[in-house]
Amino acid sequence: MHNAYFHFAEPKNEPVLNYAPGSAERKALQKAVADLKGQTRDIPMYINGQEVRTGKTQSIHPPHETAHTLGHFHAGDESHVKQAVSAALAARTAWSEMPWEHRAGIFLKAAELLATKYRYKMNAATMLGQSKNAYQAEIDSACELIDFLRFNVYFLTEIYKQQPLSAPGFHNRMEYRPLEGFIMAVTPFNFTAIGGNLPTAPAMCGNVVVWKPANTQIYSASVFMEILKEAGLPDGVINLVYTDGPTVGRICFEHPDFTGVHFTGSTGVFQNMWKTIGENIHKYKTYPRIVGETGGKDFVMVHPSANADSVVANLARGAFEYQGQKCSAASRAYIPSNLADEIREKLVAEVKTMKMGPVDDFTNFVNAVIDEKSFDKLAKYIDGVKDSNGKAKIICGGKYDKSKGWFIEPTIIETTDTNYVTLCEELFGPVLTIHVYDAENWEGILDTVNWTSGYALTGAIFAQDRYALELMTRKLVDAAGNFYINDKPTGAVVGQQPFGGARASGTNDKAGSALNLYRWLSARTIKETLVPVTDYRYPFHQAD
């Protein structure tokens, strides 16, 4: 019987544990890290709720300790993607017809399990698999993922409440249906929370999903699937497959029941997806929803009135936390000439205090980049400074070492060329490029900030002059989907700063808000006439 209206209160953001020396959470997390390192996990795919092992295994190693083996995952092929699609479609009717309070209960339980029983295991898996320090794992794989689950339940409830007006004699209502078919979720390595949100947000709306995580995030993704299964997610609703991107794309984008993609990754891959979907548009039963976040070349614009110490602290955090492997990381900074010497000296001094090493040592601020491909790319950019004909120089860092893990020193490049390559291209690593401009021309440099990069994800401005803050906010209106004033351009919190950007950074559908959930719903308006007419004639038809 379904005869009650249910209320889900607006949640509070999950408190961040600080893992201070001697704290209970520090001891619990250290134990969880040691426990996982002591295992060699056998990681299956999950199709129709069943563990699928192919025997074609690939090993998983911590990026900061490549000699150690964390486990092996079972790689799939086309047949497994087809099985996942079939399982999803078979589950669709029962899942879409489940009353909302029961769907919501599953994800609220998952959030509670993650906040309690699984918190340290999930954080440890993220630390080891993706080389995050304890704090970066806590704000990502615990707090942000918990927030996504809880806030999305609240946001979706608020959407369901939105109903049209009814005139006398009529009753109008709106149904928010899931899409007709299955969703493909493709998730990146750098945030466990994104890996969890991209499949669960559409699923929460009643959709069924084929989920393909990055190989470098499979370790923590498999833990999240454990949580979802324990929370009671029905078989086939989310199917987790480990294949290469072209394989999952080929099967899904050719299928007539493909109805949407939820993506975070590179601009090139997303543009190719869009092209392929367009070429196949005549095959689909409905127009697919295309939602993507695709990176950034995020700026920090410093006004001559800025507080130098604040700039230094926020550049240090914004550029080098999680080795700069955040879509929102501070990658380019524009420093006024009147503050350049002070900022440069203090920033270099701060960066030199940053310890680099494995995640087991909680005193390390910087860990390893994700894999050898990333390491080699970053090393090439750093080496390229030597061939810049004096246009650029390394003022801090610049060393790298792959003997034990993929370690790149926090590096600061200074350039006189506003079109220098590391000011323009996304590097996705611990490399910050600064350009010193004439403080008298601070308004003029804003065009450079705006148009140097095709991306428009995040950006930050620093000033104490309120007129300057207002002007910069107005002039840079299209330069960033998440805009920060006197703060670093990273660290968006669910429910507080909905996340996403435009231009080459994606469709700006704002994960962590109701805007994203609307994309996974199809509305049906229902009009009921309480007393139907019995004569087609209107009063105006009558003769005078």
Foldseek 3Di string as FASTA:
>chain_A
DDDDDDAADADDFDDFDDLPPPDPVVVVLLVLLVVLLVDADEFAWAALNDGDADVQWDWAFFQQFRVGTSYIYHADFLVQLVRLQVLQLVCQPVLQPPDLVVLLQLLLQLLVCCQPVCVSNLLSLLCRLFVAANRVSRVFRRRQLSLLSSNLSNQVSVVQPDFDDADPQKDKGKDWGFDQGAEEEEEEQQGVSRLNNRLVLLVSRRHAYEYEYDPSRSRSSSVSVVSSVVSPDGGSRYTYHYYDPVRSLVVLLQAQRYAEYEYEEALVVLVVSVVSNVVNVVSHPDRHQYFYFHAAQAEEEEAPAFDLVLVLVQLLCQQCQAQLQDSQRHAEYEAEPVCVVVNLVVNQVVLVPAAEHRNSPNSHRHYAGRDDVLLVLVLVVLVCQVVPVPQKDKPHFSDFDPPRRGDGRQTEMEGQDLLPPSSEDDSSGNYHYYYYDHNVCSVVCLVSLQPSYQWAWEYEYGHPDVVVVVVSCVSNVQRHLHYYYSHHRDDDHQPRTFGFHDGSRIDSQGSNHSSVSSSRIDMDMDMDRNDDDDDPDDPVPDDD
